[in-house]
C-alpha atoms as a PDB file:
ATOM      1  CA  MET A   1       0.005  -0.091  -0.192  1.00  0.00           C
ATOM      2  CA  ASP A   2       1.593   3.169  -1.033  1.00  0.00           C
ATOM      3  CA  PHE A   3       1.427   6.589   1.125  1.00  0.00           C
ATOM      4  CA  GLU A   4      -1.960   7.999  -0.458  1.00  0.00           C
ATOM      5  CA  ALA A   5      -3.813   4.822  -0.187  1.00  0.00           C
ATOM      6  CA  ALA A   6      -2.873   4.701   3.251  1.00  0.00           C
ATOM      7  CA  LYS A   7      -3.898   7.868   4.114  1.00  0.00           C
ATOM      8  CA  ALA A   8      -7.239   7.632   2.017  1.00  0.00           C
ATOM      9  CA  TYR A   9      -7.944   4.444   3.821  1.00  0.00           C
ATOM     10  CA  LEU A  10      -6.989   5.935   7.405  1.00  0.00           C
ATOM     11  CA  LEU A  11      -9.178   8.932   6.733  1.00  0.00           C
ATOM     12  CA  ASP A  12     -12.318   6.668   4.966  1.00  0.00           C
ATOM     13  CA  LYS A  13     -13.295   5.612   8.467  1.00  0.00           C
ATOM     14  CA  PRO A  14     -16.386   6.690   9.840  1.00  0.00           C
ATOM     15  CA  GLU A  15     -15.935  10.176  11.577  1.00  0.00           C
ATOM     16  CA  ALA A  16     -12.204  10.511  11.053  1.00  0.00           C
ATOM     17  CA  ARG A  17     -10.746  13.830  10.661  1.00  0.00           C
ATOM     18  CA  PRO A  18      -6.947  14.756   9.956  1.00  0.00           C
ATOM     19  CA  ASP A  19      -4.802  16.375  12.278  1.00  0.00           C
ATOM     20  CA  TYR A  20      -1.175  17.281  12.062  1.00  0.00           C
ATOM     21  CA  PRO A  21       0.001  17.860  15.763  1.00  0.00           C
ATOM     22  CA  PHE A  22       3.828  17.113  14.739  1.00  0.00           C
ATOM     23  CA  GLY A  23       3.580  19.289  11.837  1.00  0.00           C
ATOM     24  CA  PRO A  24       2.700  18.817   8.026  1.00  0.00           C
ATOM     25  CA  ALA A  25       4.791  15.853   7.513  1.00  0.00           C
ATOM     26  CA  VAL A  26       3.040  13.440   9.997  1.00  0.00           C
ATOM     27  CA  LEU A  27      -0.640  12.529   9.595  1.00  0.00           C
ATOM     28  CA  VAL A  28      -2.427  11.880  12.784  1.00  0.00           C
ATOM     29  CA  PRO A  29      -6.337  10.734  11.921  1.00  0.00           C
ATOM     30  CA  ASN A  30      -8.377  10.918  15.038  1.00  0.00           C
ATOM     31  CA  ILE A  31     -11.960   9.921  15.654  1.00  0.00           C
ATOM     32  CA  LYS A  32     -14.155  12.151  18.017  1.00  0.00           C
ATOM     33  CA  GLY A  33     -10.460  13.311  19.601  1.00  0.00           C
ATOM     34  CA  SER A  34      -8.869   9.729  19.770  1.00  0.00           C
ATOM     35  CA  LYS A  35      -5.953   9.322  17.685  1.00  0.00           C
ATOM     36  CA  PHE A  36      -5.463   5.823  16.175  1.00  0.00           C
ATOM     37  CA  ALA A  37      -2.731   6.258  13.759  1.00  0.00           C
ATOM     38  CA  THR A  38       0.224   8.212  12.649  1.00  0.00           C
ATOM     39  CA  LEU A  39       1.264   8.177   8.963  1.00  0.00           C
ATOM     40  CA  GLY A  40       4.292   9.998   7.669  1.00  0.00           C
ATOM     41  CA  MET A  41       6.923   9.434   5.177  1.00  0.00           C
ATOM     42  CA  THR A  42      10.893   9.431   5.340  1.00  0.00           C
ATOM     43  CA  ASP A  43      13.380   9.150   2.190  1.00  0.00           C
ATOM     44  CA  ALA A  44      10.472   8.497  -0.015  1.00  0.00           C
ATOM     45  CA  VAL A  45       9.285   5.427   2.304  1.00  0.00           C
ATOM     46  CA  PRO A  46       5.910   5.732   4.092  1.00  0.00           C
ATOM     47  CA  HIS A  47       5.845   4.677   7.877  1.00  0.00           C
ATOM     48  CA  MET A  48       2.604   3.886   9.717  1.00  0.00           C
ATOM     49  CA  THR A  49       1.777   3.539  13.408  1.00  0.00           C
ATOM     50  CA  LEU A  50      -1.256   1.928  14.652  1.00  0.00           C
ATOM     51  CA  LYS A  51      -3.002   2.258  17.968  1.00  0.00           C
ATOM     52  CA  GLY A  52      -3.772  -1.433  19.588  1.00  0.00           C
ATOM     53  CA  ASP A  53      -4.730  -3.230  22.518  1.00  0.00           C
ATOM     54  CA  PRO A  54      -1.446  -3.743  24.637  1.00  0.00           C
ATOM     55  CA  ALA A  55      -3.061  -7.150  25.680  1.00  0.00           C
ATOM     56  CA  HIS A  56      -2.982  -7.923  21.723  1.00  0.00           C
ATOM     57  CA  ALA A  57       0.367  -6.047  21.012  1.00  0.00           C
ATOM     58  CA  GLU A  58       2.777  -9.069  20.975  1.00  0.00           C
ATOM     59  CA  GLU A  59       0.384 -11.445  19.273  1.00  0.00           C
ATOM     60  CA  LEU A  60      -0.027  -8.531  16.403  1.00  0.00           C
ATOM     61  CA  THR A  61       3.330  -8.021  16.532  1.00  0.00           C
ATOM     62  CA  ASP A  62       4.102 -11.399  15.684  1.00  0.00           C
ATOM     63  CA  ILE A  63       1.683 -11.755  12.607  1.00  0.00           C
ATOM     64  CA  PHE A  64       2.580  -8.331  11.016  1.00  0.00           C
END
């Protein structure tokens, strides 16, 4: 998935709104004020961080 596709996917969630609290280079989408991801680009490589349930973090890390 490229940067624009990831951005569209994140912002397509119901009530998702873009925010840029770290400046214009990092998108932080939120729903009703709750941030759920970060999306940025370094040296033309997109980077995404997703918020998740800590109880499932190890399991999800192993999968992805």
